[in-house]
PDB file of N, CA and C in Angstrom:
ATOM      1  N   MET A   1      -7.040  70.724 -42.609  1.00  0.00           N
ATOM      2  CA  MET A   1      -6.362  71.806 -42.436  1.00  0.00           C
ATOM      3  C   MET A   1      -5.283  71.899 -41.014  1.00  0.00           C
ATOM      4  N   SER A   2      -4.078  72.273 -41.448  1.00  0.00           N
ATOM      5  CA  SER A   2      -3.175  72.180 -40.387  1.00  0.00           C
ATOM      6  C   SER A   2      -2.968  73.856 -39.855  1.00  0.00           C
ATOM      7  N   ILE A   3      -2.520  73.681 -38.625  1.00  0.00           N
ATOM      8  CA  ILE A   3      -2.379  75.223 -38.038  1.00  0.00           C
ATOM      9  C   ILE A   3      -0.839  75.372 -38.046  1.00  0.00           C
ATOM     10  N   GLU A   4      -0.631  76.513 -38.498  1.00  0.00           N
ATOM     11  CA  GLU A   4       1.017  76.778 -38.682  1.00  0.00           C
ATOM     12  C   GLU A   4       1.497  77.303 -37.293  1.00  0.00           C
ATOM     13  N   THR A   5       2.674  76.611 -36.951  1.00  0.00           N
ATOM     14  CA  THR A   5       3.060  77.154 -35.580  1.00  0.00           C
ATOM     15  C   THR A   5       4.279  78.040 -35.971  1.00  0.00           C
ATOM     16  N   LYS A   6       4.085  79.170 -35.339  1.00  0.00           N
ATOM     17  CA  LYS A   6       5.234  80.151 -35.614  1.00  0.00           C
ATOM     18  C   LYS A   6       6.489  79.606 -34.567  1.00  0.00           C
ATOM     19  N   ILE A   7       7.883  79.750 -35.782  1.00  0.00           N
ATOM     20  CA  ILE A   7       8.717  79.207 -35.050  1.00  0.00           C
ATOM     21  C   ILE A   7       9.490  80.290 -34.068  1.00  0.00           C
ATOM     22  N   ASP A   8      10.162  80.037 -32.986  1.00  0.00           N
ATOM     23  CA  ASP A   8      10.928  81.086 -32.311  1.00  0.00           C
ATOM     24  C   ASP A   8      12.332  80.743 -32.034  1.00  0.00           C
ATOM     25  N   ALA A   9      13.071  81.634 -31.211  1.00  0.00           N
ATOM     26  CA  ALA A   9      14.454  80.876 -30.750  1.00  0.00           C
ATOM     27  C   ALA A   9      14.656  80.206 -29.592  1.00  0.00           C
ATOM     28  N   ALA A  10      13.403  79.573 -29.172  1.00  0.00           N
ATOM     29  CA  ALA A  10      13.755  78.914 -27.726  1.00  0.00           C
ATOM     30  C   ALA A  10      14.613  77.661 -27.846  1.00  0.00           C
ATOM     31  N   GLU A  11      14.615  76.670 -29.274  1.00  0.00           N
ATOM     32  CA  GLU A  11      15.530  75.752 -29.232  1.00  0.00           C
ATOM     33  C   GLU A  11      16.597  76.086 -29.468  1.00  0.00           C
ATOM     34  N   LEU A  12      17.135  77.107 -30.142  1.00  0.00           N
ATOM     35  CA  LEU A  12      18.418  77.755 -30.001  1.00  0.00           C
ATOM     36  C   LEU A  12      18.899  78.395 -28.919  1.00  0.00           C
ATOM     37  N   ASP A  13      18.161  78.829 -28.361  1.00  0.00           N
ATOM     38  CA  ASP A  13      18.447  79.361 -26.824  1.00  0.00           C
ATOM     39  C   ASP A  13      18.870  78.101 -26.000  1.00  0.00           C
ATOM     40  N   SER A  14      17.957  77.394 -25.988  1.00  0.00           N
ATOM     41  CA  SER A  14      18.491  75.876 -25.411  1.00  0.00           C
ATOM     42  C   SER A  14      19.691  75.180 -25.588  1.00  0.00           C
ATOM     43  N   LEU A  15      19.732  75.260 -26.826  1.00  0.00           N
ATOM     44  CA  LEU A  15      21.248  74.727 -27.514  1.00  0.00           C
ATOM     45  C   LEU A  15      22.504  75.521 -27.037  1.00  0.00           C
ATOM     46  N   ILE A  16      22.218  76.852 -26.972  1.00  0.00           N
ATOM     47  CA  ILE A  16      23.412  77.480 -26.515  1.00  0.00           C
ATOM     48  C   ILE A  16      23.404  77.356 -25.152  1.00  0.00           C
ATOM     49  N   GLU A  17      22.547  77.122 -24.232  1.00  0.00           N
ATOM     50  CA  GLU A  17      22.761  77.077 -22.722  1.00  0.00           C
ATOM     51  C   GLU A  17      23.164  75.573 -22.593  1.00  0.00           C
ATOM     52  N   ARG A  18      22.991  74.708 -23.164  1.00  0.00           N
ATOM     53  CA  ARG A  18      23.716  73.427 -23.274  1.00  0.00           C
ATOM     54  C   ARG A  18      25.045  73.244 -23.301  1.00  0.00           C
ATOM     55  N   THR A  19      25.545  74.208 -24.253  1.00  0.00           N
ATOM     56  CA  THR A  19      26.693  73.830 -24.882  1.00  0.00           C
ATOM     57  C   THR A  19      27.951  74.896 -24.263  1.00  0.00           C
ATOM     58  N   HIS A  20      27.505  76.133 -23.755  1.00  0.00           N
ATOM     59  CA  HIS A  20      28.339  76.878 -23.252  1.00  0.00           C
ATOM     60  C   HIS A  20      27.837  77.417 -21.640  1.00  0.00           C
ATOM     61  N   SER A  21      29.043  78.280 -21.371  1.00  0.00           N
ATOM     62  CA  SER A  21      28.821  78.654 -19.759  1.00  0.00           C
ATOM     63  C   SER A  21      27.897  79.985 -19.771  1.00  0.00           C
ATOM     64  N   PRO A  22      27.237  80.181 -18.806  1.00  0.00           N
ATOM     65  CA  PRO A  22      26.105  81.109 -18.654  1.00  0.00           C
ATOM     66  C   PRO A  22      26.809  82.550 -19.399  1.00  0.00           C
ATOM     67  N   GLU A  23      27.828  82.946 -19.079  1.00  0.00           N
ATOM     68  CA  GLU A  23      28.679  84.075 -19.565  1.00  0.00           C
ATOM     69  C   GLU A  23      28.643  84.264 -21.086  1.00  0.00           C
ATOM     70  N   VAL A  24      28.979  83.138 -21.445  1.00  0.00           N
ATOM     71  CA  VAL A  24      29.150  82.896 -22.882  1.00  0.00           C
ATOM     72  C   VAL A  24      27.741  83.077 -23.782  1.00  0.00           C
ATOM     73  N   ALA A  25      26.918  82.042 -22.948  1.00  0.00           N
ATOM     74  CA  ALA A  25      25.332  82.027 -23.522  1.00  0.00           C
ATOM     75  C   ALA A  25      24.957  83.248 -23.669  1.00  0.00           C
ATOM     76  N   ILE A  26      24.879  84.435 -22.855  1.00  0.00           N
ATOM     77  CA  ILE A  26      24.414  85.816 -22.863  1.00  0.00           C
ATOM     78  C   ILE A  26      24.843  86.643 -24.020  1.00  0.00           C
ATOM     79  N   ALA A  27      26.200  86.292 -24.209  1.00  0.00           N
ATOM     80  CA  ALA A  27      26.934  86.988 -25.274  1.00  0.00           C
ATOM     81  C   ALA A  27      26.537  86.367 -26.683  1.00  0.00           C
ATOM     82  N   LEU A  28      26.421  85.345 -26.863  1.00  0.00           N
ATOM     83  CA  LEU A  28      25.857  84.639 -28.035  1.00  0.00           C
ATOM     84  C   LEU A  28      24.323  84.828 -28.406  1.00  0.00           C
ATOM     85  N   ARG A  29      23.390  85.019 -27.220  1.00  0.00           N
ATOM     86  CA  ARG A  29      22.064  85.415 -27.241  1.00  0.00           C
ATOM     87  C   ARG A  29      22.060  86.748 -27.861  1.00  0.00           C
ATOM     88  N   ASN A  30      22.921  87.857 -27.258  1.00  0.00           N
ATOM     89  CA  ASN A  30      22.977  89.124 -27.580  1.00  0.00           C
ATOM     90  C   ASN A  30      23.284  89.181 -29.054  1.00  0.00           C
ATOM     91  N   LEU A  31      24.605  88.506 -29.563  1.00  0.00           N
ATOM     92  CA  LEU A  31      25.052  88.654 -30.821  1.00  0.00           C
ATOM     93  C   LEU A  31      24.058  88.281 -31.828  1.00  0.00           C
ATOM     94  N   PHE A  32      23.096  87.123 -31.399  1.00  0.00           N
ATOM     95  CA  PHE A  32      22.085  86.530 -32.370  1.00  0.00           C
ATOM     96  C   PHE A  32      21.111  87.648 -32.476  1.00  0.00           C
ATOM     97  N   ALA A  33      20.837  88.291 -31.461  1.00  0.00           N
ATOM     98  CA  ALA A  33      19.685  89.418 -31.342  1.00  0.00           C
ATOM     99  C   ALA A  33      20.213  90.737 -32.233  1.00  0.00           C
ATOM    100  N   LEU A  34      21.503  91.052 -32.170  1.00  0.00           N
ATOM    101  CA  LEU A  34      22.110  91.773 -32.788  1.00  0.00           C
ATOM    102  C   LEU A  34      21.839  91.586 -34.428  1.00  0.00           C
ATOM    103  N   GLY A  35      22.148  90.265 -34.591  1.00  0.00           N
ATOM    104  CA  GLY A  35      22.075  89.984 -36.144  1.00  0.00           C
ATOM    105  C   GLY A  35      20.525  90.152 -36.727  1.00  0.00           C
ATOM    106  N   CYS A  36      19.789  89.982 -35.653  1.00  0.00           N
ATOM    107  CA  CYS A  36      18.374  89.966 -36.205  1.00  0.00           C
ATOM    108  C   CYS A  36      18.089  91.437 -36.369  1.00  0.00           C
ATOM    109  N   LEU A  37      18.543  92.534 -35.458  1.00  0.00           N
ATOM    110  CA  LEU A  37      18.405  93.925 -35.438  1.00  0.00           C
ATOM    111  C   LEU A  37      18.725  94.376 -37.030  1.00  0.00           C
ATOM    112  N   LEU A  38      20.128  93.945 -37.386  1.00  0.00           N
ATOM    113  CA  LEU A  38      20.785  94.261 -38.487  1.00  0.00           C
ATOM    114  C   LEU A  38      19.579  94.091 -39.814  1.00  0.00           C
ATOM    115  N   VAL A  39      19.277  92.725 -39.938  1.00  0.00           N
ATOM    116  CA  VAL A  39      18.237  92.174 -40.875  1.00  0.00           C
ATOM    117  C   VAL A  39      17.290  93.336 -40.882  1.00  0.00           C
ATOM    118  N   ALA A  40      16.548  93.629 -39.652  1.00  0.00           N
ATOM    119  CA  ALA A  40      15.373  94.550 -39.528  1.00  0.00           C
ATOM    120  C   ALA A  40      15.767  95.913 -40.006  1.00  0.00           C
ATOM    121  N   GLN A  41      16.940  96.310 -39.826  1.00  0.00           N
ATOM    122  CA  GLN A  41      17.620  97.628 -40.416  1.00  0.00           C
ATOM    123  C   GLN A  41      17.867  97.614 -41.845  1.00  0.00           C
ATOM    124  N   GLY A  42      17.838  96.570 -42.738  1.00  0.00           N
ATOM    125  CA  GLY A  42      17.974  96.448 -44.005  1.00  0.00           C
ATOM    126  C   GLY A  42      19.173  96.040 -44.287  1.00  0.00           C
ATOM    127  N   HIS A  43      20.093  95.341 -43.396  1.00  0.00           N
ATOM    128  CA  HIS A  43      21.329  94.843 -43.510  1.00  0.00           C
ATOM    129  C   HIS A  43      21.335  93.242 -43.445  1.00  0.00           C
ATOM    130  N   ALA A  44      20.540  92.837 -44.537  1.00  0.00           N
ATOM    131  CA  ALA A  44      20.156  91.445 -44.214  1.00  0.00           C
ATOM    132  C   ALA A  44      21.471  90.517 -44.390  1.00  0.00           C
ATOM    133  N   LYS A  45      22.315  90.700 -45.248  1.00  0.00           N
ATOM    134  CA  LYS A  45      23.565  89.924 -45.527  1.00  0.00           C
ATOM    135  C   LYS A  45      24.180  89.909 -44.212  1.00  0.00           C
ATOM    136  N   GLN A  46      24.584  91.137 -43.769  1.00  0.00           N
ATOM    137  CA  GLN A  46      25.417  91.354 -42.536  1.00  0.00           C
ATOM    138  C   GLN A  46      24.674  90.527 -41.028  1.00  0.00           C
ATOM    139  N   GLY A  47      23.506  90.760 -41.299  1.00  0.00           N
ATOM    140  CA  GLY A  47      22.694  90.342 -40.010  1.00  0.00           C
ATOM    141  C   GLY A  47      22.733  88.638 -40.116  1.00  0.00           C
ATOM    142  N   MET A  48      22.640  88.260 -41.336  1.00  0.00           N
ATOM    143  CA  MET A  48      22.133  86.752 -41.400  1.00  0.00           C
ATOM    144  C   MET A  48      23.842  86.234 -41.062  1.00  0.00           C
ATOM    145  N   LYS A  49      24.809  86.857 -41.452  1.00  0.00           N
ATOM    146  CA  LYS A  49      26.297  86.229 -41.143  1.00  0.00           C
ATOM    147  C   LYS A  49      26.217  86.337 -39.607  1.00  0.00           C
ATOM    148  N   THR A  50      25.822  87.270 -39.164  1.00  0.00           N
ATOM    149  CA  THR A  50      25.948  87.699 -37.475  1.00  0.00           C
ATOM    150  C   THR A  50      25.086  86.241 -36.677  1.00  0.00           C
ATOM    151  N   CYS A  51      24.058  86.282 -37.412  1.00  0.00           N
ATOM    152  CA  CYS A  51      23.439  85.005 -36.688  1.00  0.00           C
ATOM    153  C   CYS A  51      23.977  83.722 -36.912  1.00  0.00           C
ATOM    154  N   ASN A  52      24.544  83.656 -37.961  1.00  0.00           N
ATOM    155  CA  ASN A  52      25.012  82.255 -38.603  1.00  0.00           C
ATOM    156  C   ASN A  52      26.534  82.011 -37.734  1.00  0.00           C
ATOM    157  N   ASP A  53      27.164  83.174 -37.511  1.00  0.00           N
ATOM    158  CA  ASP A  53      28.367  83.195 -36.691  1.00  0.00           C
ATOM    159  C   ASP A  53      27.954  82.229 -35.036  1.00  0.00           C
ATOM    160  N   VAL A  54      26.745  82.637 -34.637  1.00  0.00           N
ATOM    161  CA  VAL A  54      26.529  82.182 -33.307  1.00  0.00           C
ATOM    162  C   VAL A  54      26.087  80.470 -33.619  1.00  0.00           C
ATOM    163  N   VAL A  55      25.494  80.123 -34.586  1.00  0.00           N
ATOM    164  CA  VAL A  55      24.992  78.752 -34.850  1.00  0.00           C
ATOM    165  C   VAL A  55      26.306  78.172 -35.158  1.00  0.00           C
ATOM    166  N   ARG A  56      27.097  78.468 -35.620  1.00  0.00           N
ATOM    167  CA  ARG A  56      28.597  77.794 -36.055  1.00  0.00           C
ATOM    168  C   ARG A  56      29.076  77.282 -34.630  1.00  0.00           C
ATOM    169  N   THR A  57      28.840  77.990 -33.549  1.00  0.00           N
ATOM    170  CA  THR A  57      29.458  77.550 -32.332  1.00  0.00           C
ATOM    171  C   THR A  57      28.714  76.481 -31.627  1.00  0.00           C
ATOM    172  N   LEU A  58      27.853  75.876 -32.301  1.00  0.00           N
ATOM    173  CA  LEU A  58      26.917  74.616 -31.831  1.00  0.00           C
ATOM    174  C   LEU A  58      27.156  73.555 -32.454  1.00  0.00           C
ATOM    175  N   ASP A  59      26.750  72.364 -31.785  1.00  0.00           N
ATOM    176  CA  ASP A  59      26.773  70.998 -32.565  1.00  0.00           C
ATOM    177  C   ASP A  59      25.295  71.238 -33.337  1.00  0.00           C
ATOM    178  N   GLU A  60      25.208  70.958 -34.510  1.00  0.00           N
ATOM    179  CA  GLU A  60      24.196  71.323 -35.248  1.00  0.00           C
ATOM    180  C   GLU A  60      23.398  70.014 -35.715  1.00  0.00           C
ATOM    181  N   ALA A  61      24.013  69.091 -35.334  1.00  0.00           N
ATOM    182  CA  ALA A  61      23.472  67.641 -35.489  1.00  0.00           C
ATOM    183  C   ALA A  61      22.167  67.465 -34.784  1.00  0.00           C
ATOM    184  N   GLY A  62      21.096  67.228 -35.764  1.00  0.00           N
ATOM    185  CA  GLY A  62      19.956  66.695 -35.600  1.00  0.00           C
ATOM    186  C   GLY A  62      19.049  68.037 -35.448  1.00  0.00           C
ATOM    187  N   HIS A  63      19.549  69.100 -35.877  1.00  0.00           N
ATOM    188  CA  HIS A  63      18.732  70.483 -35.449  1.00  0.00           C
ATOM    189  C   HIS A  63      18.665  71.249 -37.026  1.00  0.00           C
ATOM    190  N   ALA A  64      19.053  70.434 -38.219  1.00  0.00           N
ATOM    191  CA  ALA A  64      19.145  71.417 -39.532  1.00  0.00           C
ATOM    192  C   ALA A  64      17.936  71.818 -39.685  1.00  0.00           C
ATOM    193  N   ALA A  65      16.781  71.163 -39.694  1.00  0.00           N
ATOM    194  CA  ALA A  65      15.359  71.490 -40.046  1.00  0.00           C
ATOM    195  C   ALA A  65      15.123  72.691 -39.439  1.00  0.00           C
ATOM    196  N   TYR A  66      15.312  72.300 -37.853  1.00  0.00           N
ATOM    197  CA  TYR A  66      14.765  73.769 -37.193  1.00  0.00           C
ATOM    198  C   TYR A  66      15.604  75.129 -37.532  1.00  0.00           C
ATOM    199  N   LEU A  67      16.904  74.883 -37.703  1.00  0.00           N
ATOM    200  CA  LEU A  67      17.776  75.968 -38.067  1.00  0.00           C
ATOM    201  C   LEU A  67      17.428  76.746 -39.330  1.00  0.00           C
ATOM    202  N   ASP A  68      16.909  75.676 -40.249  1.00  0.00           N
ATOM    203  CA  ASP A  68      16.567  76.271 -41.576  1.00  0.00           C
ATOM    204  C   ASP A  68      15.386  77.255 -41.484  1.00  0.00           C
ATOM    205  N   GLN A  69      14.272  76.553 -40.527  1.00  0.00           N
ATOM    206  CA  GLN A  69      13.228  77.439 -40.381  1.00  0.00           C
ATOM    207  C   GLN A  69      13.495  78.682 -39.407  1.00  0.00           C
ATOM    208  N   LEU A  70      14.455  78.587 -38.750  1.00  0.00           N
ATOM    209  CA  LEU A  70      14.759  79.527 -37.910  1.00  0.00           C
ATOM    210  C   LEU A  70      15.215  80.672 -38.727  1.00  0.00           C
ATOM    211  N   PHE A  71      16.210  80.504 -39.571  1.00  0.00           N
ATOM    212  CA  PHE A  71      16.651  81.293 -40.593  1.00  0.00           C
ATOM    213  C   PHE A  71      15.616  81.793 -41.428  1.00  0.00           C
ATOM    214  N   GLU A  72      14.565  81.232 -41.944  1.00  0.00           N
ATOM    215  CA  GLU A  72      13.639  81.662 -42.666  1.00  0.00           C
ATOM    216  C   GLU A  72      12.889  82.588 -42.030  1.00  0.00           C
ATOM    217  N   ALA A  73      12.673  82.464 -40.704  1.00  0.00           N
ATOM    218  CA  ALA A  73      11.719  83.318 -39.751  1.00  0.00           C
ATOM    219  C   ALA A  73      12.530  84.621 -39.408  1.00  0.00           C
ATOM    220  N   VAL A  74      13.894  84.520 -39.434  1.00  0.00           N
ATOM    221  CA  VAL A  74      14.676  85.615 -39.143  1.00  0.00           C
ATOM    222  C   VAL A  74      14.491  86.612 -40.457  1.00  0.00           C
ATOM    223  N   ALA A  75      14.658  86.164 -41.568  1.00  0.00           N
ATOM    224  CA  ALA A  75      14.181  87.039 -42.729  1.00  0.00           C
ATOM    225  C   ALA A  75      12.992  87.562 -42.847  1.00  0.00           C
ATOM    226  N   ARG A  76      11.954  86.922 -42.431  1.00  0.00           N
ATOM    227  CA  ARG A  76      10.497  87.481 -42.446  1.00  0.00           C
ATOM    228  C   ARG A  76      10.244  88.239 -41.301  1.00  0.00           C
ATOM    229  N   GLU A  77      10.631  87.701 -40.080  1.00  0.00           N
ATOM    230  CA  GLU A  77      10.257  88.610 -38.933  1.00  0.00           C
ATOM    231  C   GLU A  77      11.518  88.882 -37.760  1.00  0.00           C
ATOM    232  N   PRO A  78      12.391  89.555 -38.203  1.00  0.00           N
ATOM    233  CA  PRO A  78      13.589  89.598 -37.455  1.00  0.00           C
ATOM    234  C   PRO A  78      13.683  90.086 -36.069  1.00  0.00           C
ATOM    235  N   LEU A  79      12.717  91.093 -35.854  1.00  0.00           N
ATOM    236  CA  LEU A  79      12.617  91.797 -34.509  1.00  0.00           C
ATOM    237  C   LEU A  79      11.835  90.750 -33.594  1.00  0.00           C
ATOM    238  N   ARG A  80      10.724  90.029 -34.037  1.00  0.00           N
ATOM    239  CA  ARG A  80      10.019  89.012 -33.325  1.00  0.00           C
ATOM    240  C   ARG A  80      11.220  87.779 -32.720  1.00  0.00           C
ATOM    241  N   ILE A  81      12.033  87.384 -33.900  1.00  0.00           N
ATOM    242  CA  ILE A  81      12.981  86.249 -33.435  1.00  0.00           C
ATOM    243  C   ILE A  81      13.932  86.915 -32.769  1.00  0.00           C
ATOM    244  N   GLY A  82      14.484  87.993 -32.914  1.00  0.00           N
ATOM    245  CA  GLY A  82      15.348  88.659 -31.964  1.00  0.00           C
ATOM    246  C   GLY A  82      14.970  88.799 -30.385  1.00  0.00           C
ATOM    247  N   ARG A  83      13.736  89.011 -30.096  1.00  0.00           N
ATOM    248  CA  ARG A  83      13.204  89.201 -28.896  1.00  0.00           C
ATOM    249  C   ARG A  83      13.088  87.832 -28.258  1.00  0.00           C
ATOM    250  N   SER A  84      12.804  86.865 -29.130  1.00  0.00           N
ATOM    251  CA  SER A  84      12.484  85.388 -28.554  1.00  0.00           C
ATOM    252  C   SER A  84      13.973  84.851 -28.151  1.00  0.00           C
ATOM    253  N   MET A  85      14.862  85.589 -28.499  1.00  0.00           N
ATOM    254  CA  MET A  85      16.316  84.905 -28.018  1.00  0.00           C
ATOM    255  C   MET A  85      16.453  85.449 -26.506  1.00  0.00           C
ATOM    256  N   ARG A  86      15.699  86.235 -25.930  1.00  0.00           N
ATOM    257  CA  ARG A  86      15.964  86.579 -24.712  1.00  0.00           C
ATOM    258  C   ARG A  86      17.342  87.070 -24.262  1.00  0.00           C
ATOM    259  N   PRO A  87      17.788  88.160 -25.182  1.00  0.00           N
ATOM    260  CA  PRO A  87      18.806  89.068 -25.232  1.00  0.00           C
ATOM    261  C   PRO A  87      18.848  89.993 -23.810  1.00  0.00           C
ATOM    262  N   SER A  88      20.148  90.397 -23.517  1.00  0.00           N
ATOM    263  CA  SER A  88      19.827  91.335 -22.093  1.00  0.00           C
ATOM    264  C   SER A  88      19.033  92.303 -22.367  1.00  0.00           C
ATOM    265  N   SER A  89      18.430  93.010 -21.402  1.00  0.00           N
ATOM    266  CA  SER A  89      17.269  93.998 -21.196  1.00  0.00           C
ATOM    267  C   SER A  89      17.882  95.326 -22.135  1.00  0.00           C
ATOM    268  N   GLU A  90      19.061  95.516 -22.068  1.00  0.00           N
ATOM    269  CA  GLU A  90      19.586  96.950 -22.951  1.00  0.00           C
ATOM    270  C   GLU A  90      19.013  96.570 -24.358  1.00  0.00           C
ATOM    271  N   LEU A  91      19.499  95.400 -24.768  1.00  0.00           N
ATOM    272  CA  LEU A  91      19.136  94.925 -26.495  1.00  0.00           C
ATOM    273  C   LEU A  91      17.672  94.962 -26.611  1.00  0.00           C
ATOM    274  N   LEU A  92      17.135  94.406 -25.610  1.00  0.00           N
ATOM    275  CA  LEU A  92      15.566  94.022 -25.882  1.00  0.00           C
ATOM    276  C   LEU A  92      14.581  95.471 -25.883  1.00  0.00           C
ATOM    277  N   ASP A  93      15.304  96.459 -25.297  1.00  0.00           N
ATOM    278  CA  ASP A  93      14.525  98.004 -25.492  1.00  0.00           C
ATOM    279  C   ASP A  93      14.756  98.266 -26.848  1.00  0.00           C
ATOM    280  N   ILE A  94      15.812  97.988 -27.436  1.00  0.00           N
ATOM    281  CA  ILE A  94      15.859  98.337 -28.728  1.00  0.00           C
ATOM    282  C   ILE A  94      15.066  97.551 -29.858  1.00  0.00           C
ATOM    283  N   LEU A  95      14.826  96.427 -29.523  1.00  0.00           N
ATOM    284  CA  LEU A  95      14.059  95.435 -30.625  1.00  0.00           C
ATOM    285  C   LEU A  95      12.632  95.585 -30.666  1.00  0.00           C
TER     286      LEU A  95
END
Protein backbone atom coordinates (compact mmCIF):
# COMPACT_ATOMS: atom_id res chain seq x y z
CA MET A 1 0.00 0.00 0.00
CA SER A 2 1.51 3.33 -1.03
CA ILE A 3 1.11 6.57 0.82
CA GLU A 4 -0.11 9.37 -1.43
CA THR A 5 2.05 12.47 -1.19
CA LYS A 6 0.19 15.74 -1.47
CA ILE A 7 1.61 17.87 -4.23
CA ASP A 8 2.23 21.54 -3.63
CA ALA A 9 3.72 24.45 -5.54
CA ALA A 10 7.21 24.24 -4.01
CA GLU A 11 8.83 22.89 -7.17
CA LEU A 12 7.09 25.53 -9.30
CA ASP A 13 8.23 28.21 -6.87
CA SER A 14 11.79 26.92 -7.16
CA LEU A 15 11.62 26.97 -10.97
CA ILE A 16 10.37 30.55 -10.91
CA GLU A 17 13.14 31.65 -8.54
CA ARG A 18 15.83 30.03 -10.72
CA THR A 19 14.44 31.56 -13.90
CA HIS A 20 13.43 35.10 -12.94
CA SER A 21 14.63 38.08 -10.91
CA PRO A 22 13.20 38.41 -7.37
CA GLU A 23 10.83 41.18 -8.49
CA VAL A 24 9.44 39.13 -11.37
CA ALA A 25 9.32 35.99 -9.20
CA ILE A 26 6.96 37.58 -6.66
CA ALA A 27 4.74 38.89 -9.45
CA LEU A 28 4.54 35.39 -10.96
CA ARG A 29 3.86 33.78 -7.57
CA ASN A 30 1.08 36.31 -6.99
CA LEU A 31 -0.35 35.73 -10.48
CA PHE A 32 -0.40 31.96 -9.95
CA ALA A 33 -2.07 32.40 -6.55
CA LEU A 34 -4.68 34.69 -8.12
CA GLY A 35 -5.36 32.01 -10.70
CA CYS A 36 -5.94 29.54 -7.89
CA LEU A 37 -8.31 32.00 -6.24
CA LEU A 38 -10.28 32.34 -9.48
CA VAL A 39 -10.62 28.55 -9.64
CA ALA A 40 -11.84 28.49 -6.03
CA GLN A 41 -14.42 31.17 -6.85
CA GLY A 42 -15.87 29.08 -9.68
CA HIS A 43 -13.97 30.64 -12.58
CA ALA A 44 -12.03 27.48 -13.44
CA LYS A 45 -11.31 28.28 -17.09
CA GLN A 46 -10.02 31.76 -16.34
CA GLY A 47 -8.06 30.62 -13.29
CA MET A 48 -6.37 27.73 -15.09
CA LYS A 49 -5.48 30.08 -17.96
CA THR A 50 -3.91 32.49 -15.48
CA CYS A 51 -1.90 29.70 -13.84
CA ASN A 52 -0.85 28.41 -17.25
CA ASP A 53 0.39 31.90 -18.21
CA VAL A 54 2.86 31.66 -15.32
CA VAL A 55 4.05 28.19 -16.31
CA ARG A 56 4.59 29.31 -19.91
CA THR A 57 7.30 31.74 -18.71
CA LEU A 58 9.41 28.76 -17.58
CA ASP A 59 11.48 26.06 -19.20
CA GLU A 60 9.12 23.13 -18.67
CA ALA A 61 11.63 20.50 -19.84
CA GLY A 62 11.81 17.63 -17.39
CA HIS A 63 8.89 18.92 -15.33
CA ALA A 64 5.87 17.83 -17.39
CA ALA A 65 4.69 15.11 -14.98
CA TYR A 66 4.97 17.44 -11.97
CA LEU A 67 3.13 20.23 -13.78
CA ASP A 68 0.33 17.87 -14.83
CA GLN A 69 -0.06 16.78 -11.19
CA LEU A 70 0.07 20.40 -10.04
CA PHE A 71 -2.73 21.46 -12.37
CA GLU A 72 -4.83 18.48 -11.24
CA ALA A 73 -4.26 19.63 -7.65
CA VAL A 74 -5.23 23.22 -8.54
CA ALA A 75 -8.54 21.88 -9.87
CA ARG A 76 -9.16 19.89 -6.64
CA GLU A 77 -7.65 22.14 -3.95
CA PRO A 78 -7.04 25.59 -5.41
CA LEU A 79 -6.73 27.48 -2.13
CA ARG A 80 -4.20 25.05 -0.64
CA ILE A 81 -2.10 25.18 -3.79
CA GLY A 82 -2.38 28.97 -3.98
CA ARG A 83 -1.14 29.29 -0.40
CA SER A 84 1.76 26.93 -1.07
CA MET A 85 2.93 29.28 -3.83
CA ARG A 86 4.12 31.78 -1.18
CA PRO A 87 2.25 34.81 -2.52
CA SER A 88 2.60 38.24 -0.93
CA SER A 89 1.00 38.59 2.50
CA GLU A 90 -1.86 40.69 1.09
CA LEU A 91 -2.90 37.83 -1.19
CA LEU A 92 -2.23 35.19 1.43
CA ASP A 93 -4.79 36.94 3.63
CA ILE A 94 -7.58 36.28 1.10
CA LEU A 95 -6.56 32.73 0.25
